[in-house]
N, C-alpha and C. Protein backbone atom coordinates (compact mmCIF):
# COMPACT_ATOMS: atom_id res chain seq x y z
N SER A 1 -100.36 -52.63 -28.93
CA SER A 1 -99.88 -51.33 -28.46
C SER A 1 -100.95 -50.27 -28.70
N SER A 2 -101.04 -49.30 -27.80
CA SER A 2 -102.04 -48.24 -27.95
C SER A 2 -101.68 -47.34 -29.13
N GLU A 3 -100.42 -47.31 -29.54
CA GLU A 3 -100.02 -46.49 -30.67
C GLU A 3 -100.51 -47.07 -32.00
N ALA A 4 -100.86 -48.34 -32.03
CA ALA A 4 -101.31 -48.97 -33.27
C ALA A 4 -102.59 -48.33 -33.79
N SER A 5 -103.38 -47.74 -32.90
CA SER A 5 -104.64 -47.12 -33.31
C SER A 5 -104.46 -45.67 -33.77
N LEU A 6 -103.25 -45.15 -33.67
CA LEU A 6 -102.99 -43.77 -34.08
C LEU A 6 -102.86 -43.66 -35.59
N PRO A 7 -103.15 -42.48 -36.15
CA PRO A 7 -102.93 -42.27 -37.58
C PRO A 7 -101.46 -42.47 -37.92
N LEU A 8 -101.20 -42.88 -39.14
CA LEU A 8 -99.84 -43.19 -39.59
C LEU A 8 -98.87 -42.04 -39.31
N GLU A 9 -99.27 -40.81 -39.64
CA GLU A 9 -98.37 -39.67 -39.46
C GLU A 9 -97.98 -39.50 -37.99
N LEU A 10 -98.95 -39.66 -37.09
CA LEU A 10 -98.67 -39.50 -35.67
C LEU A 10 -97.80 -40.65 -35.17
N ARG A 11 -98.02 -41.86 -35.66
CA ARG A 11 -97.16 -43.00 -35.29
C ARG A 11 -95.72 -42.75 -35.71
N GLN A 12 -95.53 -42.19 -36.91
CA GLN A 12 -94.17 -41.92 -37.40
C GLN A 12 -93.48 -40.87 -36.53
N VAL A 13 -94.18 -39.81 -36.20
CA VAL A 13 -93.60 -38.76 -35.36
C VAL A 13 -93.30 -39.31 -33.97
N ALA A 14 -94.23 -40.08 -33.41
CA ALA A 14 -94.04 -40.63 -32.07
C ALA A 14 -92.86 -41.59 -32.03
N SER A 15 -92.60 -42.31 -33.11
CA SER A 15 -91.47 -43.23 -33.11
C SER A 15 -90.14 -42.47 -33.25
N ARG A 16 -90.15 -41.36 -33.97
CA ARG A 16 -88.92 -40.56 -34.12
C ARG A 16 -88.64 -39.67 -32.92
N TYR A 17 -89.69 -39.17 -32.31
CA TYR A 17 -89.57 -38.25 -31.18
C TYR A 17 -90.43 -38.73 -30.01
N PRO A 18 -90.05 -39.84 -29.40
CA PRO A 18 -90.89 -40.35 -28.30
C PRO A 18 -90.90 -39.38 -27.12
N VAL A 19 -92.05 -39.29 -26.48
CA VAL A 19 -92.22 -38.40 -25.33
C VAL A 19 -92.27 -39.26 -24.06
N THR A 20 -91.39 -38.95 -23.13
CA THR A 20 -91.38 -39.62 -21.83
C THR A 20 -91.41 -38.54 -20.76
N ILE A 21 -92.32 -38.71 -19.80
CA ILE A 21 -92.38 -37.75 -18.70
C ILE A 21 -92.11 -38.45 -17.38
N TYR A 22 -91.46 -37.71 -16.49
CA TYR A 22 -91.15 -38.19 -15.15
C TYR A 22 -91.96 -37.32 -14.20
N THR A 23 -92.78 -37.96 -13.38
CA THR A 23 -93.72 -37.24 -12.53
C THR A 23 -93.62 -37.73 -11.09
N GLY A 24 -94.26 -37.01 -10.20
CA GLY A 24 -94.33 -37.39 -8.80
C GLY A 24 -95.77 -37.35 -8.32
N ALA A 25 -96.01 -37.97 -7.19
CA ALA A 25 -97.35 -37.97 -6.59
C ALA A 25 -97.68 -36.56 -6.07
N ASP A 26 -98.93 -36.20 -6.14
CA ASP A 26 -99.40 -34.90 -5.64
C ASP A 26 -98.60 -33.74 -6.20
N CYS A 27 -98.32 -33.78 -7.50
CA CYS A 27 -97.53 -32.76 -8.17
C CYS A 27 -98.44 -32.04 -9.17
N ALA A 28 -98.88 -30.84 -8.81
CA ALA A 28 -99.79 -30.10 -9.69
C ALA A 28 -99.19 -29.81 -11.07
N PRO A 29 -97.91 -29.37 -11.16
CA PRO A 29 -97.33 -29.16 -12.49
C PRO A 29 -97.28 -30.46 -13.31
N CYS A 30 -97.06 -31.59 -12.63
CA CYS A 30 -97.04 -32.89 -13.32
C CYS A 30 -98.41 -33.17 -13.93
N ALA A 31 -99.46 -32.90 -13.17
CA ALA A 31 -100.82 -33.11 -13.67
C ALA A 31 -101.10 -32.17 -14.85
N GLY A 32 -100.59 -30.93 -14.77
CA GLY A 32 -100.77 -29.98 -15.86
C GLY A 32 -100.11 -30.48 -17.14
N LEU A 33 -98.91 -31.01 -17.01
CA LEU A 33 -98.20 -31.54 -18.17
C LEU A 33 -98.94 -32.74 -18.76
N ARG A 34 -99.34 -33.66 -17.89
CA ARG A 34 -100.08 -34.84 -18.35
C ARG A 34 -101.36 -34.42 -19.09
N ASN A 35 -102.09 -33.45 -18.53
CA ASN A 35 -103.32 -32.97 -19.16
C ASN A 35 -103.05 -32.33 -20.52
N LEU A 36 -101.95 -31.58 -20.63
CA LEU A 36 -101.59 -30.96 -21.91
C LEU A 36 -101.36 -32.04 -22.97
N LEU A 37 -100.58 -33.06 -22.62
CA LEU A 37 -100.28 -34.12 -23.58
C LEU A 37 -101.54 -34.88 -23.99
N VAL A 38 -102.38 -35.21 -23.01
CA VAL A 38 -103.62 -35.93 -23.32
C VAL A 38 -104.54 -35.08 -24.19
N SER A 39 -104.68 -33.79 -23.85
CA SER A 39 -105.59 -32.93 -24.61
C SER A 39 -105.12 -32.73 -26.05
N ARG A 40 -103.81 -32.80 -26.27
CA ARG A 40 -103.28 -32.64 -27.62
C ARG A 40 -103.16 -33.97 -28.35
N GLY A 41 -103.49 -35.07 -27.68
CA GLY A 41 -103.44 -36.38 -28.32
C GLY A 41 -102.01 -36.89 -28.53
N VAL A 42 -101.08 -36.43 -27.69
CA VAL A 42 -99.68 -36.82 -27.82
C VAL A 42 -99.44 -38.13 -27.06
N PRO A 43 -99.01 -39.18 -27.75
CA PRO A 43 -98.70 -40.41 -27.03
C PRO A 43 -97.43 -40.22 -26.20
N PHE A 44 -97.44 -40.74 -24.96
CA PHE A 44 -96.28 -40.57 -24.09
C PHE A 44 -96.20 -41.74 -23.12
N SER A 45 -95.00 -41.94 -22.60
CA SER A 45 -94.83 -42.88 -21.50
C SER A 45 -94.53 -42.07 -20.26
N GLU A 46 -94.97 -42.59 -19.12
CA GLU A 46 -94.82 -41.86 -17.87
C GLU A 46 -94.11 -42.74 -16.86
N ARG A 47 -93.15 -42.14 -16.19
CA ARG A 47 -92.44 -42.82 -15.11
C ARG A 47 -92.63 -42.00 -13.84
N THR A 48 -93.18 -42.64 -12.84
CA THR A 48 -93.43 -41.95 -11.57
C THR A 48 -92.22 -42.12 -10.66
N VAL A 49 -91.71 -41.01 -10.20
CA VAL A 49 -90.54 -41.00 -9.33
C VAL A 49 -91.03 -41.16 -7.90
N THR A 50 -90.72 -42.30 -7.28
CA THR A 50 -91.23 -42.58 -5.93
C THR A 50 -90.15 -42.97 -4.93
N SER A 51 -89.08 -43.57 -5.39
CA SER A 51 -88.06 -44.08 -4.47
C SER A 51 -86.77 -43.27 -4.58
N ASN A 52 -85.88 -43.50 -3.64
CA ASN A 52 -84.57 -42.84 -3.68
C ASN A 52 -83.82 -43.24 -4.94
N GLU A 53 -83.97 -44.50 -5.37
CA GLU A 53 -83.32 -44.96 -6.59
C GLU A 53 -83.87 -44.19 -7.81
N ASP A 54 -85.18 -43.95 -7.82
CA ASP A 54 -85.80 -43.18 -8.91
C ASP A 54 -85.25 -41.76 -8.94
N ILE A 55 -85.11 -41.17 -7.76
CA ILE A 55 -84.59 -39.79 -7.65
C ILE A 55 -83.15 -39.74 -8.16
N GLU A 56 -82.35 -40.72 -7.79
CA GLU A 56 -80.96 -40.77 -8.24
C GLU A 56 -80.88 -40.94 -9.75
N ALA A 57 -81.75 -41.79 -10.31
CA ALA A 57 -81.77 -42.00 -11.76
C ALA A 57 -82.17 -40.71 -12.48
N LEU A 58 -83.16 -40.00 -11.94
CA LEU A 58 -83.59 -38.73 -12.52
C LEU A 58 -82.45 -37.72 -12.46
N GLN A 59 -81.74 -37.68 -11.34
CA GLN A 59 -80.60 -36.77 -11.17
C GLN A 59 -79.53 -37.05 -12.22
N ARG A 60 -79.25 -38.33 -12.47
CA ARG A 60 -78.24 -38.70 -13.48
C ARG A 60 -78.70 -38.29 -14.88
N LEU A 61 -79.97 -38.48 -15.16
CA LEU A 61 -80.51 -38.18 -16.49
C LEU A 61 -80.60 -36.67 -16.75
N SER A 62 -81.11 -35.94 -15.77
CA SER A 62 -81.44 -34.54 -15.99
C SER A 62 -80.47 -33.55 -15.35
N GLY A 63 -79.66 -34.03 -14.40
CA GLY A 63 -78.79 -33.13 -13.67
C GLY A 63 -79.52 -32.38 -12.58
N SER A 64 -80.77 -32.76 -12.32
CA SER A 64 -81.61 -32.08 -11.35
C SER A 64 -82.62 -33.09 -10.81
N ASN A 65 -83.35 -32.70 -9.79
CA ASN A 65 -84.45 -33.55 -9.33
C ASN A 65 -85.78 -32.81 -9.45
N THR A 66 -85.83 -31.85 -10.37
CA THR A 66 -87.04 -31.07 -10.62
C THR A 66 -88.08 -31.91 -11.36
N LEU A 67 -89.31 -31.86 -10.86
CA LEU A 67 -90.42 -32.54 -11.52
C LEU A 67 -91.45 -31.49 -11.91
N PRO A 68 -92.16 -31.69 -13.00
CA PRO A 68 -91.96 -32.79 -13.93
C PRO A 68 -90.70 -32.56 -14.78
N PHE A 69 -90.24 -33.64 -15.33
CA PHE A 69 -89.13 -33.62 -16.27
C PHE A 69 -89.57 -34.46 -17.45
N GLY A 70 -89.15 -34.07 -18.64
CA GLY A 70 -89.55 -34.85 -19.79
C GLY A 70 -88.55 -34.80 -20.91
N THR A 71 -88.69 -35.77 -21.79
CA THR A 71 -87.88 -35.80 -23.01
C THR A 71 -88.82 -35.92 -24.20
N ILE A 72 -88.46 -35.18 -25.24
CA ILE A 72 -89.14 -35.28 -26.53
C ILE A 72 -88.03 -35.57 -27.52
N GLY A 73 -87.92 -36.83 -27.92
CA GLY A 73 -86.76 -37.22 -28.70
C GLY A 73 -85.53 -36.98 -27.85
N GLY A 74 -84.58 -36.20 -28.34
CA GLY A 74 -83.36 -35.88 -27.60
C GLY A 74 -83.46 -34.61 -26.77
N GLN A 75 -84.55 -33.88 -26.89
CA GLN A 75 -84.75 -32.63 -26.16
C GLN A 75 -85.19 -32.91 -24.72
N GLN A 76 -84.59 -32.25 -23.75
CA GLN A 76 -84.98 -32.39 -22.35
C GLN A 76 -85.63 -31.11 -21.86
N LEU A 77 -86.72 -31.27 -21.10
CA LEU A 77 -87.44 -30.12 -20.56
C LEU A 77 -87.68 -30.34 -19.07
N SER A 78 -87.30 -29.36 -18.24
CA SER A 78 -87.52 -29.44 -16.80
C SER A 78 -88.65 -28.51 -16.41
N GLY A 79 -89.47 -28.97 -15.48
CA GLY A 79 -90.59 -28.17 -15.03
C GLY A 79 -91.71 -28.17 -16.06
N PHE A 80 -92.74 -27.40 -15.78
CA PHE A 80 -93.85 -27.34 -16.73
C PHE A 80 -94.23 -25.89 -17.00
N ALA A 81 -93.98 -25.47 -18.22
CA ALA A 81 -94.46 -24.19 -18.73
C ALA A 81 -95.19 -24.53 -20.02
N ASP A 82 -96.49 -24.31 -20.03
CA ASP A 82 -97.34 -24.66 -21.17
C ASP A 82 -96.74 -24.18 -22.49
N VAL A 83 -96.28 -22.93 -22.52
CA VAL A 83 -95.75 -22.34 -23.75
C VAL A 83 -94.51 -23.09 -24.23
N GLU A 84 -93.63 -23.41 -23.31
CA GLU A 84 -92.39 -24.10 -23.68
C GLU A 84 -92.68 -25.51 -24.22
N TRP A 85 -93.51 -26.26 -23.52
CA TRP A 85 -93.84 -27.61 -23.97
C TRP A 85 -94.55 -27.57 -25.31
N THR A 86 -95.48 -26.63 -25.48
CA THR A 86 -96.22 -26.52 -26.74
C THR A 86 -95.28 -26.21 -27.90
N ARG A 87 -94.28 -25.39 -27.66
CA ARG A 87 -93.32 -25.06 -28.70
C ARG A 87 -92.59 -26.31 -29.20
N TYR A 88 -92.22 -27.20 -28.30
CA TYR A 88 -91.48 -28.40 -28.69
C TYR A 88 -92.39 -29.49 -29.26
N LEU A 89 -93.66 -29.45 -28.90
CA LEU A 89 -94.58 -30.46 -29.43
C LEU A 89 -94.97 -30.11 -30.85
């Protein structure tokens, strides 16, 4: 696993508060979110929303089809605002 190379403290936080992002193709805010996470060294999993089934699953999870969408532990965040995401990270 790529998390095995992370420092112990970061592995512990990542296991308690996993970050998952839902993105779409050609989505500038999605790229902004991805870049923020990478630049801060935050481990995350990414799910690309491409099919109608993906859209329906996102709708059930978030109550919306807004991208990007993400979860940090139990916290849900819709859209990308650098300040908001940084506050939760």
